[in-house]
Amino acid sequence: MTEKSPIDKGHKATLISYWMEKARESMETARSEYNSGRYTPAVRNLYYGCFYALTAVLLKEGHSFKKHTAVKAALHKNLIRAGIVEPGWGKFYNKIFDSRHEGDYQPLRTFDAEEVEVFLDQGTGFIALMETLLSR
């Protein structure tokens, strides 16, 4: 469920900056985990990096959500259908969303280095796109 954020501009800017810092931190942690051969935590941190960056963009538009599924839905509704973000980014987000969930909850789900490397490259692009949207 979406909620319009009744926060003032200064507080909103602080929150957006906070979410983007968390996004960058999560991506750094994802790369560290990947470099150490810990692929499931790398995927988890990569997902959270993308989630935090997307949360910042949606907050800039005046939306906040209580569930990860609502954030994912808002990407498709507010950004992709509106023509702001290309559909390929929605497919990537869906994939990393599902992969994080599988890695955390599906027994015996593992990731290989090549798969995670692709996720890292795409995640870096996704976060860069979110930064671009924030700078508009």
N, C-alpha and C. Protein backbone atom coordinates (compact mmCIF):
# COMPACT_ATOMS: atom_id res chain seq x y z
N MET A 1 0.84 -1.16 0.00
CA MET A 1 0.00 0.00 0.00
C MET A 1 0.89 1.23 0.00
N THR A 2 0.54 2.19 -0.79
CA THR A 2 1.32 3.42 -0.86
C THR A 2 0.77 4.42 0.13
N GLU A 3 1.66 5.20 0.61
CA GLU A 3 1.28 6.30 1.49
C GLU A 3 1.97 7.53 0.96
N LYS A 4 1.25 8.63 0.90
CA LYS A 4 1.90 9.89 0.56
C LYS A 4 2.68 10.33 1.79
N SER A 5 3.91 10.71 1.58
CA SER A 5 4.76 11.10 2.69
C SER A 5 4.46 12.54 3.11
N PRO A 6 3.98 12.73 4.33
CA PRO A 6 3.67 14.09 4.80
C PRO A 6 4.88 14.74 5.48
N ILE A 7 6.06 14.61 4.89
CA ILE A 7 7.26 15.14 5.52
C ILE A 7 7.71 16.41 4.82
N ASP A 8 8.37 17.28 5.58
CA ASP A 8 8.83 18.53 4.99
C ASP A 8 10.03 18.27 4.09
N LYS A 9 10.34 19.25 3.24
CA LYS A 9 11.40 19.08 2.23
C LYS A 9 12.77 18.79 2.85
N GLY A 10 13.11 19.46 3.92
CA GLY A 10 14.41 19.24 4.55
C GLY A 10 14.55 17.83 5.09
N HIS A 11 13.50 17.36 5.73
CA HIS A 11 13.52 16.00 6.27
C HIS A 11 13.54 14.98 5.13
N LYS A 12 12.79 15.26 4.08
CA LYS A 12 12.77 14.35 2.93
C LYS A 12 14.15 14.24 2.31
N ALA A 13 14.83 15.36 2.15
CA ALA A 13 16.18 15.35 1.58
C ALA A 13 17.14 14.54 2.47
N THR A 14 16.99 14.66 3.77
CA THR A 14 17.82 13.89 4.70
C THR A 14 17.56 12.40 4.53
N LEU A 15 16.29 12.02 4.44
CA LEU A 15 15.94 10.61 4.27
C LEU A 15 16.43 10.06 2.94
N ILE A 16 16.30 10.83 1.89
CA ILE A 16 16.78 10.38 0.57
C ILE A 16 18.29 10.16 0.62
N SER A 17 19.00 11.08 1.21
CA SER A 17 20.44 10.94 1.35
C SER A 17 20.79 9.71 2.18
N TYR A 18 20.05 9.48 3.24
CA TYR A 18 20.25 8.31 4.10
C TYR A 18 20.07 7.01 3.31
N TRP A 19 18.98 6.91 2.53
CA TRP A 19 18.72 5.68 1.76
C TRP A 19 19.80 5.46 0.71
N MET A 20 20.28 6.53 0.09
CA MET A 20 21.33 6.37 -0.91
C MET A 20 22.66 5.95 -0.28
N GLU A 21 22.95 6.46 0.90
CA GLU A 21 24.16 6.02 1.60
C GLU A 21 24.06 4.54 1.93
N LYS A 22 22.89 4.10 2.39
CA LYS A 22 22.68 2.67 2.66
C LYS A 22 22.82 1.85 1.38
N ALA A 23 22.35 2.39 0.26
CA ALA A 23 22.48 1.69 -1.02
C ALA A 23 23.94 1.49 -1.38
N ARG A 24 24.72 2.55 -1.25
CA ARG A 24 26.16 2.47 -1.58
C ARG A 24 26.88 1.50 -0.63
N GLU A 25 26.56 1.58 0.65
CA GLU A 25 27.15 0.68 1.64
C GLU A 25 26.84 -0.78 1.32
N SER A 26 25.58 -1.03 0.99
CA SER A 26 25.16 -2.40 0.67
C SER A 26 25.87 -2.93 -0.56
N MET A 27 26.08 -2.07 -1.55
CA MET A 27 26.80 -2.50 -2.75
C MET A 27 28.27 -2.78 -2.43
N GLU A 28 28.88 -1.96 -1.58
CA GLU A 28 30.26 -2.23 -1.19
C GLU A 28 30.36 -3.56 -0.46
N THR A 29 29.40 -3.82 0.41
CA THR A 29 29.38 -5.09 1.15
C THR A 29 29.15 -6.25 0.19
N ALA A 30 28.27 -6.07 -0.79
CA ALA A 30 28.01 -7.12 -1.77
C ALA A 30 29.30 -7.47 -2.53
N ARG A 31 30.04 -6.45 -2.93
CA ARG A 31 31.30 -6.71 -3.65
C ARG A 31 32.31 -7.42 -2.75
N SER A 32 32.38 -7.02 -1.50
CA SER A 32 33.28 -7.67 -0.55
C SER A 32 32.91 -9.14 -0.35
N GLU A 33 31.63 -9.40 -0.19
CA GLU A 33 31.16 -10.78 -0.03
C GLU A 33 31.47 -11.60 -1.29
N TYR A 34 31.23 -11.00 -2.45
CA TYR A 34 31.53 -11.67 -3.72
C TYR A 34 33.02 -12.00 -3.80
N ASN A 35 33.86 -11.03 -3.50
CA ASN A 35 35.31 -11.24 -3.57
C ASN A 35 35.79 -12.30 -2.59
N SER A 36 35.03 -12.52 -1.53
CA SER A 36 35.36 -13.55 -0.53
C SER A 36 34.71 -14.90 -0.84
N GLY A 37 33.99 -14.97 -1.96
CA GLY A 37 33.35 -16.23 -2.36
C GLY A 37 32.07 -16.54 -1.62
N ARG A 38 31.51 -15.56 -0.95
CA ARG A 38 30.25 -15.74 -0.22
C ARG A 38 29.12 -15.15 -1.08
N TYR A 39 28.60 -15.98 -1.96
CA TYR A 39 27.70 -15.49 -3.00
C TYR A 39 26.29 -15.22 -2.51
N THR A 40 25.77 -16.01 -1.60
CA THR A 40 24.42 -15.75 -1.11
C THR A 40 24.36 -14.42 -0.35
N PRO A 41 25.29 -14.14 0.57
CA PRO A 41 25.26 -12.82 1.20
C PRO A 41 25.50 -11.69 0.20
N ALA A 42 26.29 -11.96 -0.84
CA ALA A 42 26.50 -10.94 -1.88
C ALA A 42 25.19 -10.59 -2.56
N VAL A 43 24.40 -11.61 -2.89
CA VAL A 43 23.11 -11.38 -3.54
C VAL A 43 22.18 -10.63 -2.60
N ARG A 44 22.17 -11.01 -1.34
CA ARG A 44 21.31 -10.35 -0.36
C ARG A 44 21.66 -8.86 -0.27
N ASN A 45 22.95 -8.56 -0.13
CA ASN A 45 23.36 -7.16 -0.02
C ASN A 45 23.14 -6.38 -1.30
N LEU A 46 23.33 -7.04 -2.42
CA LEU A 46 23.06 -6.41 -3.71
C LEU A 46 21.59 -6.03 -3.82
N TYR A 47 20.71 -6.96 -3.46
CA TYR A 47 19.28 -6.65 -3.49
C TYR A 47 18.98 -5.44 -2.61
N TYR A 48 19.50 -5.45 -1.39
CA TYR A 48 19.20 -4.34 -0.49
C TYR A 48 19.76 -3.03 -1.02
N GLY A 49 20.89 -3.04 -1.67
CA GLY A 49 21.40 -1.83 -2.29
C GLY A 49 20.42 -1.26 -3.30
N CYS A 50 19.89 -2.14 -4.14
CA CYS A 50 18.91 -1.71 -5.15
C CYS A 50 17.61 -1.25 -4.49
N PHE A 51 17.17 -1.99 -3.49
CA PHE A 51 15.96 -1.65 -2.75
C PHE A 51 16.07 -0.26 -2.12
N TYR A 52 17.20 0.01 -1.46
CA TYR A 52 17.37 1.31 -0.81
C TYR A 52 17.40 2.44 -1.82
N ALA A 53 18.08 2.24 -2.94
CA ALA A 53 18.14 3.28 -3.97
C ALA A 53 16.76 3.55 -4.56
N LEU A 54 16.01 2.48 -4.82
CA LEU A 54 14.65 2.63 -5.34
C LEU A 54 13.77 3.32 -4.31
N THR A 55 13.92 2.97 -3.05
CA THR A 55 13.16 3.61 -1.98
C THR A 55 13.40 5.11 -1.98
N ALA A 56 14.65 5.52 -2.19
CA ALA A 56 14.99 6.94 -2.22
C ALA A 56 14.27 7.65 -3.36
N VAL A 57 14.25 7.03 -4.53
CA VAL A 57 13.58 7.63 -5.69
C VAL A 57 12.08 7.74 -5.44
N LEU A 58 11.50 6.69 -4.92
CA LEU A 58 10.06 6.72 -4.66
C LEU A 58 9.72 7.75 -3.59
N LEU A 59 10.58 7.90 -2.60
CA LEU A 59 10.37 8.91 -1.57
C LEU A 59 10.42 10.31 -2.17
N LYS A 60 11.33 10.51 -3.10
CA LYS A 60 11.41 11.82 -3.77
C LYS A 60 10.09 12.15 -4.44
N GLU A 61 9.43 11.12 -4.98
CA GLU A 61 8.12 11.32 -5.62
C GLU A 61 7.00 11.47 -4.60
N GLY A 62 7.32 11.27 -3.32
CA GLY A 62 6.32 11.43 -2.27
C GLY A 62 5.66 10.15 -1.83
N HIS A 63 6.29 9.00 -2.12
CA HIS A 63 5.71 7.71 -1.77
C HIS A 63 6.59 6.97 -0.78
N SER A 64 5.94 6.29 0.14
CA SER A 64 6.66 5.36 1.02
C SER A 64 5.81 4.10 1.14
N PHE A 65 6.48 3.00 1.40
CA PHE A 65 5.82 1.70 1.41
C PHE A 65 6.28 0.89 2.61
N LYS A 66 5.44 0.00 3.06
CA LYS A 66 5.76 -0.83 4.21
C LYS A 66 6.28 -2.21 3.82
N LYS A 67 6.08 -2.61 2.57
CA LYS A 67 6.46 -3.96 2.13
C LYS A 67 7.37 -3.90 0.91
N HIS A 68 8.28 -4.86 0.86
CA HIS A 68 9.18 -4.95 -0.29
C HIS A 68 8.40 -5.19 -1.58
N THR A 69 7.33 -5.97 -1.51
CA THR A 69 6.52 -6.22 -2.71
C THR A 69 5.87 -4.93 -3.21
N ALA A 70 5.53 -4.04 -2.31
CA ALA A 70 4.92 -2.77 -2.72
C ALA A 70 5.95 -1.88 -3.40
N VAL A 71 7.19 -1.91 -2.94
CA VAL A 71 8.26 -1.14 -3.59
C VAL A 71 8.48 -1.68 -5.00
N LYS A 72 8.51 -3.01 -5.12
CA LYS A 72 8.68 -3.62 -6.45
C LYS A 72 7.53 -3.23 -7.37
N ALA A 73 6.32 -3.28 -6.87
CA ALA A 73 5.15 -2.91 -7.68
C ALA A 73 5.23 -1.44 -8.10
N ALA A 74 5.70 -0.59 -7.20
CA ALA A 74 5.80 0.84 -7.52
C ALA A 74 6.83 1.10 -8.60
N LEU A 75 7.90 0.32 -8.63
CA LEU A 75 8.87 0.45 -9.73
C LEU A 75 8.16 0.28 -11.06
N HIS A 76 7.35 -0.75 -11.15
CA HIS A 76 6.64 -1.02 -12.41
C HIS A 76 5.57 0.02 -12.70
N LYS A 77 4.81 0.37 -11.69
CA LYS A 77 3.69 1.30 -11.89
C LYS A 77 4.16 2.75 -12.06
N ASN A 78 5.00 3.22 -11.16
CA ASN A 78 5.35 4.63 -11.13
C ASN A 78 6.50 5.00 -12.06
N LEU A 79 7.38 4.05 -12.35
CA LEU A 79 8.56 4.40 -13.13
C LEU A 79 8.59 3.75 -14.51
N ILE A 80 8.24 2.48 -14.60
CA ILE A 80 8.32 1.80 -15.90
C ILE A 80 7.11 2.14 -16.77
N ARG A 81 5.91 1.97 -16.24
CA ARG A 81 4.71 2.30 -17.04
C ARG A 81 4.67 3.77 -17.41
N ALA A 82 5.25 4.61 -16.58
CA ALA A 82 5.29 6.05 -16.86
C ALA A 82 6.36 6.40 -17.89
N GLY A 83 7.17 5.41 -18.30
CA GLY A 83 8.20 5.65 -19.31
C GLY A 83 9.46 6.30 -18.76
N ILE A 84 9.62 6.33 -17.44
CA ILE A 84 10.79 6.95 -16.82
C ILE A 84 11.96 5.97 -16.80
N VAL A 85 11.67 4.70 -16.61
CA VAL A 85 12.67 3.65 -16.52
C VAL A 85 12.35 2.58 -17.56
N GLU A 86 13.37 2.08 -18.22
CA GLU A 86 13.17 1.05 -19.24
C GLU A 86 12.74 -0.27 -18.61
N PRO A 87 11.89 -1.04 -19.30
CA PRO A 87 11.37 -2.30 -18.76
C PRO A 87 12.45 -3.31 -18.36
N GLY A 88 13.59 -3.29 -19.01
CA GLY A 88 14.67 -4.21 -18.66
C GLY A 88 15.10 -4.06 -17.20
N TRP A 89 15.02 -2.85 -16.67
CA TRP A 89 15.37 -2.64 -15.27
C TRP A 89 14.34 -3.28 -14.35
N GLY A 90 13.11 -3.32 -14.78
CA GLY A 90 12.07 -4.01 -13.99
C GLY A 90 12.33 -5.50 -13.96
N LYS A 91 12.75 -6.05 -15.09
CA LYS A 91 13.08 -7.48 -15.14
C LYS A 91 14.26 -7.79 -14.24
N PHE A 92 15.27 -6.92 -14.26
CA PHE A 92 16.42 -7.11 -13.37
C PHE A 92 15.98 -7.07 -11.91
N TYR A 93 15.19 -6.07 -11.55
CA TYR A 93 14.76 -5.93 -10.16
C TYR A 93 13.95 -7.15 -9.72
N ASN A 94 13.06 -7.61 -10.59
CA ASN A 94 12.29 -8.82 -10.27
C ASN A 94 13.22 -10.00 -10.01
N LYS A 95 14.24 -10.14 -10.84
CA LYS A 95 15.18 -11.26 -10.73
C LYS A 95 15.98 -11.19 -9.44
N ILE A 96 16.48 -10.02 -9.10
CA ILE A 96 17.28 -9.90 -7.89
C ILE A 96 16.39 -10.02 -6.65
N PHE A 97 15.15 -9.54 -6.74
CA PHE A 97 14.17 -9.69 -5.66
C PHE A 97 13.92 -11.18 -5.39
N ASP A 98 13.65 -11.91 -6.45
CA ASP A 98 13.39 -13.36 -6.31
C ASP A 98 14.64 -14.11 -5.86
N SER A 99 15.78 -13.74 -6.38
CA SER A 99 17.04 -14.42 -6.02
C SER A 99 17.36 -14.21 -4.55
N ARG A 100 17.20 -13.01 -4.06
CA ARG A 100 17.44 -12.74 -2.64
C ARG A 100 16.51 -13.60 -1.78
N HIS A 101 15.26 -13.66 -2.16
CA HIS A 101 14.28 -14.45 -1.41
C HIS A 101 14.65 -15.94 -1.44
N GLU A 102 15.01 -16.43 -2.61
CA GLU A 102 15.42 -17.84 -2.73
C GLU A 102 16.66 -18.12 -1.89
N GLY A 103 17.64 -17.24 -1.96
CA GLY A 103 18.87 -17.43 -1.22
C GLY A 103 18.65 -17.45 0.29
N ASP A 104 17.70 -16.65 0.74
CA ASP A 104 17.42 -16.59 2.17
C ASP A 104 16.51 -17.71 2.67
N TYR A 105 15.59 -18.17 1.83
CA TYR A 105 14.54 -19.06 2.33
C TYR A 105 14.43 -20.41 1.63
N GLN A 106 14.99 -20.57 0.47
CA GLN A 106 14.87 -21.84 -0.26
C GLN A 106 16.05 -22.73 0.08
N PRO A 107 15.78 -23.89 0.67
CA PRO A 107 16.89 -24.79 1.01
C PRO A 107 17.71 -25.17 -0.23
N LEU A 108 18.99 -25.22 -0.05
CA LEU A 108 19.95 -25.68 -1.05
C LEU A 108 20.11 -24.73 -2.24
N ARG A 109 19.56 -23.52 -2.18
CA ARG A 109 19.75 -22.56 -3.28
C ARG A 109 21.15 -21.98 -3.16
N THR A 110 21.92 -22.13 -4.19
CA THR A 110 23.26 -21.56 -4.23
C THR A 110 23.40 -20.69 -5.47
N PHE A 111 24.40 -19.86 -5.46
CA PHE A 111 24.70 -18.99 -6.59
C PHE A 111 26.13 -19.25 -7.01
N ASP A 112 26.41 -19.10 -8.30
CA ASP A 112 27.79 -19.25 -8.75
C ASP A 112 28.38 -17.87 -9.04
N ALA A 113 29.69 -17.85 -9.16
CA ALA A 113 30.42 -16.59 -9.32
C ALA A 113 29.95 -15.80 -10.54
N GLU A 114 29.73 -16.49 -11.64
CA GLU A 114 29.34 -15.79 -12.88
C GLU A 114 27.97 -15.13 -12.73
N GLU A 115 27.04 -15.84 -12.11
CA GLU A 115 25.69 -15.30 -11.92
C GLU A 115 25.75 -14.05 -11.04
N VAL A 116 26.51 -14.12 -9.96
CA VAL A 116 26.59 -12.98 -9.05
C VAL A 116 27.34 -11.82 -9.68
N GLU A 117 28.34 -12.11 -10.49
CA GLU A 117 29.07 -11.05 -11.17
C GLU A 117 28.14 -10.26 -12.10
N VAL A 118 27.27 -10.96 -12.80
CA VAL A 118 26.29 -10.29 -13.66
C VAL A 118 25.36 -9.43 -12.81
N PHE A 119 24.88 -9.99 -11.70
CA PHE A 119 24.01 -9.23 -10.79
C PHE A 119 24.71 -7.96 -10.30
N LEU A 120 25.98 -8.09 -9.94
CA LEU A 120 26.73 -6.92 -9.45
C LEU A 120 26.84 -5.84 -10.51
N ASP A 121 27.14 -6.23 -11.74
CA ASP A 121 27.22 -5.25 -12.83
C ASP A 121 25.88 -4.57 -13.04
N GLN A 122 24.82 -5.37 -13.08
CA GLN A 122 23.48 -4.81 -13.28
C GLN A 122 23.05 -3.95 -12.10
N GLY A 123 23.36 -4.40 -10.90
CA GLY A 123 23.01 -3.64 -9.70
C GLY A 123 23.70 -2.29 -9.67
N THR A 124 24.96 -2.26 -10.08
CA THR A 124 25.69 -1.01 -10.15
C THR A 124 25.01 -0.06 -11.14
N GLY A 125 24.57 -0.59 -12.27
CA GLY A 125 23.85 0.22 -13.25
C GLY A 125 22.51 0.70 -12.73
N PHE A 126 21.82 -0.16 -12.00
CA PHE A 126 20.51 0.20 -11.44
C PHE A 126 20.67 1.35 -10.45
N ILE A 127 21.64 1.25 -9.56
CA ILE A 127 21.84 2.29 -8.57
C ILE A 127 22.27 3.60 -9.24
N ALA A 128 23.10 3.51 -10.27
CA ALA A 128 23.50 4.71 -11.02
C ALA A 128 22.28 5.36 -11.66
N LEU A 129 21.36 4.55 -12.18
CA LEU A 129 20.13 5.08 -12.76
C LEU A 129 19.30 5.78 -11.69
N MET A 130 19.19 5.18 -10.52
CA MET A 130 18.42 5.80 -9.44
C MET A 130 19.06 7.14 -9.04
N GLU A 131 20.40 7.18 -9.00
CA GLU A 131 21.09 8.44 -8.69
C GLU A 131 20.78 9.51 -9.75
N THR A 132 20.73 9.09 -11.01
CA THR A 132 20.39 10.03 -12.08
C THR A 132 18.98 10.56 -11.89
N LEU A 133 18.05 9.67 -11.56
CA LEU A 133 16.67 10.12 -11.35
C LEU A 133 16.57 11.08 -10.17
N LEU A 134 17.37 10.86 -9.15
CA LEU A 134 17.36 11.74 -7.99
C LEU A 134 17.92 13.12 -8.31
N SER A 135 18.82 13.18 -9.27
CA SER A 135 19.46 14.46 -9.59
C SER A 135 18.60 15.32 -10.50
N ARG A 136 17.53 14.78 -11.01
CA ARG A 136 16.64 15.57 -11.89
C ARG A 136 15.85 16.59 -11.13
